[in-house]
N, C-alpha and C. Protein backbone atom coordinates (compact mmCIF):
# COMPACT_ATOMS: atom_id res chain seq x y z
N MET A 1 101.95 41.81 118.69
CA MET A 1 101.27 42.94 118.13
C MET A 1 99.78 42.82 118.45
N ALA A 2 99.11 43.89 118.36
CA ALA A 2 97.70 43.90 118.74
C ALA A 2 96.81 44.10 117.53
N THR A 3 95.55 43.73 117.70
CA THR A 3 94.57 44.00 116.65
C THR A 3 94.06 45.42 116.83
N SER A 4 93.27 45.88 115.90
CA SER A 4 92.77 47.23 115.95
C SER A 4 91.84 47.42 117.14
N SER A 5 92.19 48.35 118.01
CA SER A 5 91.37 48.72 119.15
C SER A 5 91.72 50.14 119.53
N PRO A 6 90.95 50.74 120.41
CA PRO A 6 91.24 52.12 120.78
C PRO A 6 92.61 52.30 121.44
N ASP A 7 93.17 51.23 122.02
CA ASP A 7 94.44 51.34 122.71
C ASP A 7 95.65 51.05 121.82
N THR A 8 95.42 50.82 120.51
CA THR A 8 96.54 50.54 119.63
C THR A 8 96.84 51.74 118.74
N ASN A 9 98.12 51.84 118.40
CA ASN A 9 98.57 52.91 117.51
C ASN A 9 99.09 52.30 116.22
N PRO A 10 98.73 52.90 115.08
CA PRO A 10 99.34 52.43 113.84
C PRO A 10 100.76 53.01 113.74
N ILE A 11 101.72 52.16 113.47
CA ILE A 11 103.09 52.64 113.28
C ILE A 11 103.64 51.98 112.02
N LEU A 12 104.68 52.58 111.50
CA LEU A 12 105.36 52.04 110.33
C LEU A 12 106.80 51.77 110.75
N VAL A 13 107.23 50.53 110.61
CA VAL A 13 108.61 50.19 110.91
C VAL A 13 109.29 49.74 109.63
N VAL A 14 110.58 49.90 109.57
CA VAL A 14 111.34 49.49 108.39
C VAL A 14 112.35 48.44 108.84
N VAL A 15 112.23 47.24 108.27
CA VAL A 15 113.14 46.14 108.55
C VAL A 15 113.82 45.77 107.25
N ALA A 16 115.13 45.79 107.27
CA ALA A 16 115.93 45.46 106.09
C ALA A 16 115.51 46.28 104.87
N GLY A 17 115.19 47.54 105.10
CA GLY A 17 114.85 48.43 104.01
C GLY A 17 113.41 48.34 103.51
N ARG A 18 112.60 47.47 104.13
CA ARG A 18 111.21 47.33 103.69
C ARG A 18 110.27 47.82 104.78
N PRO A 19 109.27 48.61 104.41
CA PRO A 19 108.33 49.14 105.41
C PRO A 19 107.26 48.11 105.78
N TYR A 20 106.91 48.09 107.06
CA TYR A 20 105.87 47.20 107.56
C TYR A 20 104.94 48.00 108.47
N PRO A 21 103.67 48.10 108.08
CA PRO A 21 102.72 48.79 108.96
C PRO A 21 102.28 47.83 110.08
N LEU A 22 102.28 48.33 111.30
CA LEU A 22 101.88 47.54 112.46
C LEU A 22 100.89 48.32 113.30
N ARG A 23 100.14 47.61 114.10
CA ARG A 23 99.32 48.23 115.14
C ARG A 23 99.82 47.66 116.45
N VAL A 24 100.24 48.52 117.35
CA VAL A 24 100.78 48.08 118.62
C VAL A 24 100.11 48.83 119.76
N GLU A 25 100.09 48.19 120.91
CA GLU A 25 99.60 48.86 122.11
C GLU A 25 100.47 50.09 122.34
N ALA A 26 99.87 51.16 122.79
CA ALA A 26 100.62 52.40 123.00
C ALA A 26 101.80 52.17 123.95
N ARG A 27 101.57 51.35 124.97
CA ARG A 27 102.63 51.11 125.96
C ARG A 27 103.79 50.28 125.39
N ASP A 28 103.56 49.59 124.26
CA ASP A 28 104.58 48.73 123.67
C ASP A 28 105.35 49.38 122.53
N GLU A 29 104.94 50.56 122.11
CA GLU A 29 105.53 51.17 120.92
C GLU A 29 107.03 51.39 121.05
N VAL A 30 107.48 51.91 122.16
CA VAL A 30 108.91 52.18 122.34
C VAL A 30 109.70 50.88 122.28
N GLY A 31 109.19 49.84 122.92
CA GLY A 31 109.87 48.55 122.90
C GLY A 31 109.92 47.93 121.52
N VAL A 32 108.83 48.06 120.76
CA VAL A 32 108.80 47.53 119.40
C VAL A 32 109.81 48.27 118.52
N ARG A 33 109.85 49.58 118.66
CA ARG A 33 110.80 50.35 117.85
C ARG A 33 112.25 50.00 118.23
N ALA A 34 112.51 49.78 119.50
CA ALA A 34 113.86 49.39 119.93
C ALA A 34 114.20 48.01 119.37
N LEU A 35 113.24 47.10 119.36
CA LEU A 35 113.47 45.77 118.79
C LEU A 35 113.75 45.86 117.30
N VAL A 36 113.03 46.69 116.60
CA VAL A 36 113.26 46.87 115.16
C VAL A 36 114.68 47.41 114.92
N ASP A 37 115.11 48.35 115.75
CA ASP A 37 116.47 48.88 115.62
C ASP A 37 117.50 47.77 115.83
N GLU A 38 117.27 46.92 116.84
CA GLU A 38 118.19 45.82 117.12
C GLU A 38 118.20 44.81 115.97
N ILE A 39 117.04 44.50 115.44
CA ILE A 39 116.95 43.58 114.31
C ILE A 39 117.71 44.13 113.11
N ASN A 40 117.51 45.40 112.81
CA ASN A 40 118.21 46.02 111.68
C ASN A 40 119.73 46.02 111.90
N GLU A 41 120.15 46.24 113.13
CA GLU A 41 121.59 46.23 113.43
C GLU A 41 122.16 44.83 113.19
N ARG A 42 121.48 43.81 113.67
CA ARG A 42 121.96 42.44 113.45
C ARG A 42 121.92 42.07 111.97
N PHE A 43 120.86 42.48 111.31
CA PHE A 43 120.75 42.23 109.86
C PHE A 43 121.93 42.87 109.13
N ASN A 44 122.21 44.13 109.46
CA ASN A 44 123.32 44.83 108.81
C ASN A 44 124.66 44.14 109.09
N ASP A 45 124.83 43.63 110.33
CA ASP A 45 126.05 42.89 110.66
C ASP A 45 126.19 41.65 109.78
N PHE A 46 125.08 40.93 109.59
CA PHE A 46 125.12 39.75 108.72
C PHE A 46 125.43 40.13 107.28
N GLN A 47 124.88 41.25 106.83
CA GLN A 47 125.16 41.66 105.45
C GLN A 47 126.63 42.00 105.25
N VAL A 48 127.23 42.58 106.27
CA VAL A 48 128.66 42.91 106.16
C VAL A 48 129.50 41.64 106.22
N LYS A 49 129.18 40.75 107.18
CA LYS A 49 129.96 39.51 107.34
C LYS A 49 129.79 38.55 106.16
N PHE A 50 128.61 38.53 105.60
CA PHE A 50 128.30 37.59 104.53
C PHE A 50 127.84 38.36 103.29
N SER A 51 128.73 39.16 102.75
CA SER A 51 128.38 40.03 101.62
C SER A 51 128.02 39.24 100.37
N ASP A 52 128.39 37.97 100.33
CA ASP A 52 128.05 37.14 99.17
C ASP A 52 126.63 36.59 99.25
N ARG A 53 125.94 36.81 100.38
CA ARG A 53 124.58 36.30 100.56
C ARG A 53 123.56 37.38 100.20
N ASP A 54 122.36 36.93 99.83
CA ASP A 54 121.33 37.90 99.49
C ASP A 54 120.57 38.34 100.75
N THR A 55 119.68 39.28 100.57
CA THR A 55 118.93 39.86 101.67
C THR A 55 118.15 38.81 102.45
N GLN A 56 117.49 37.91 101.75
CA GLN A 56 116.68 36.91 102.42
C GLN A 56 117.54 36.00 103.30
N ASP A 57 118.72 35.63 102.83
CA ASP A 57 119.62 34.80 103.64
C ASP A 57 120.00 35.53 104.93
N CYS A 58 120.29 36.80 104.82
CA CYS A 58 120.66 37.58 106.01
C CYS A 58 119.48 37.73 106.97
N LEU A 59 118.29 37.89 106.41
CA LEU A 59 117.10 37.96 107.27
C LEU A 59 116.87 36.64 107.99
N VAL A 60 117.05 35.53 107.31
CA VAL A 60 116.87 34.22 107.93
C VAL A 60 117.91 34.01 109.02
N MET A 61 119.15 34.38 108.76
CA MET A 61 120.18 34.24 109.78
C MET A 61 119.85 35.10 111.01
N THR A 62 119.32 36.29 110.78
CA THR A 62 118.90 37.15 111.89
C THR A 62 117.78 36.48 112.67
N LEU A 63 116.80 35.96 111.97
CA LEU A 63 115.69 35.27 112.61
C LEU A 63 116.18 34.07 113.43
N LEU A 64 117.08 33.31 112.87
CA LEU A 64 117.61 32.13 113.57
C LEU A 64 118.35 32.51 114.85
N THR A 65 119.07 33.63 114.84
CA THR A 65 119.76 34.04 116.06
C THR A 65 118.75 34.41 117.14
N TYR A 66 117.69 35.09 116.76
CA TYR A 66 116.65 35.43 117.74
C TYR A 66 115.91 34.18 118.23
N ALA A 67 115.62 33.26 117.34
CA ALA A 67 114.93 32.03 117.73
C ALA A 67 115.80 31.23 118.69
N ASP A 68 117.09 31.16 118.44
CA ASP A 68 117.99 30.44 119.33
C ASP A 68 118.06 31.11 120.70
N GLU A 69 118.12 32.43 120.73
CA GLU A 69 118.14 33.15 122.00
C GLU A 69 116.84 32.93 122.78
N LEU A 70 115.73 32.93 122.07
CA LEU A 70 114.44 32.70 122.72
C LEU A 70 114.37 31.30 123.30
N ARG A 71 114.82 30.32 122.53
CA ARG A 71 114.82 28.93 123.01
C ARG A 71 115.69 28.79 124.24
N SER A 72 116.86 29.40 124.22
CA SER A 72 117.76 29.34 125.37
C SER A 72 117.15 30.02 126.59
N ALA A 73 116.51 31.17 126.38
CA ALA A 73 115.89 31.88 127.49
C ALA A 73 114.74 31.07 128.09
N ARG A 74 113.95 30.44 127.23
CA ARG A 74 112.86 29.60 127.73
C ARG A 74 113.39 28.42 128.52
N LYS A 75 114.47 27.82 128.01
CA LYS A 75 115.06 26.68 128.70
C LYS A 75 115.57 27.10 130.08
N MET A 76 116.24 28.24 130.16
CA MET A 76 116.73 28.72 131.44
C MET A 76 115.58 29.05 132.37
N ALA A 77 114.51 29.63 131.85
CA ALA A 77 113.35 29.95 132.68
C ALA A 77 112.70 28.69 133.20
N ASP A 78 112.58 27.67 132.35
CA ASP A 78 112.00 26.39 132.78
C ASP A 78 112.86 25.74 133.85
N THR A 79 114.16 25.78 133.65
CA THR A 79 115.08 25.17 134.61
C THR A 79 115.01 25.89 135.95
N SER A 80 115.01 27.21 135.94
CA SER A 80 114.96 27.93 137.20
C SER A 80 113.61 27.75 137.87
N LEU A 81 112.55 27.64 137.07
CA LEU A 81 111.22 27.40 137.63
C LEU A 81 111.17 26.02 138.27
N GLU A 82 111.72 25.03 137.58
CA GLU A 82 111.75 23.69 138.14
C GLU A 82 112.57 23.66 139.42
N GLY A 83 113.69 24.36 139.45
CA GLY A 83 114.52 24.42 140.65
C GLY A 83 113.76 25.07 141.80
N GLU A 84 113.08 26.15 141.51
CA GLU A 84 112.29 26.84 142.52
C GLU A 84 111.16 25.95 143.01
N LEU A 85 110.49 25.28 142.09
CA LEU A 85 109.39 24.38 142.45
C LEU A 85 109.90 23.23 143.29
N ALA A 86 111.01 22.64 142.88
CA ALA A 86 111.58 21.54 143.65
C ALA A 86 111.96 21.99 145.05
N SER A 87 112.53 23.16 145.16
CA SER A 87 112.91 23.71 146.47
C SER A 87 111.69 23.92 147.36
N ARG A 88 110.65 24.46 146.81
CA ARG A 88 109.43 24.69 147.59
C ARG A 88 108.76 23.37 148.00
N LEU A 89 108.76 22.41 147.08
CA LEU A 89 108.18 21.11 147.40
C LEU A 89 108.98 20.42 148.52
N LYS A 90 110.29 20.54 148.47
CA LYS A 90 111.12 19.94 149.52
C LYS A 90 110.83 20.61 150.86
N ALA A 91 110.70 21.92 150.87
CA ALA A 91 110.38 22.63 152.12
C ALA A 91 109.02 22.20 152.66
N LEU A 92 108.05 22.04 151.77
CA LEU A 92 106.73 21.56 152.20
C LEU A 92 106.81 20.14 152.74
N ASP A 93 107.62 19.31 152.10
CA ASP A 93 107.79 17.93 152.55
C ASP A 93 108.38 17.89 153.96
N VAL A 94 109.39 18.71 154.20
CA VAL A 94 110.00 18.78 155.53
C VAL A 94 108.98 19.26 156.55
N LEU A 95 108.20 20.25 156.19
CA LEU A 95 107.17 20.79 157.08
C LEU A 95 106.12 19.72 157.41
N VAL A 96 105.65 19.01 156.41
CA VAL A 96 104.64 17.96 156.63
C VAL A 96 105.24 16.84 157.47
N ASP A 97 106.47 16.43 157.18
CA ASP A 97 107.12 15.38 157.99
C ASP A 97 107.22 15.81 159.45
N GLY A 98 107.56 17.06 159.67
CA GLY A 98 107.66 17.57 161.03
C GLY A 98 106.32 17.55 161.75
N MET A 99 105.27 17.86 161.03
CA MET A 99 103.93 17.86 161.63
C MET A 99 103.46 16.44 161.93
N LEU A 100 103.82 15.50 161.09
CA LEU A 100 103.41 14.11 161.28
C LEU A 100 104.14 13.46 162.45
N GLN A 101 105.33 13.93 162.77
CA GLN A 101 106.10 13.33 163.84
C GLN A 101 105.67 13.82 165.22
N VAL A 102 104.86 14.83 165.29
CA VAL A 102 104.40 15.38 166.59
C VAL A 102 103.34 14.55 167.20
């Protein structure tokens, strides 16, 4: 989210039935609203599956699913970056070895 500036818009989002005022970059508003819809959908799924739990428990479970997905995505990004870096370093090594043998 952004701080108050000419490029931010004040919006009101509702998560788990509670309103939250936010200021977001104009270009990010659609994405933020889509994320709020997804969060509410997951929250509602948890409320249905775990009807014996209170609202806060369902919100925490929703948060944990997003945190786990973020951690997994970061791990995959790191792994692919390392693979790409290793591949490029190997290509450079072959190139340098070839130049040294001339």
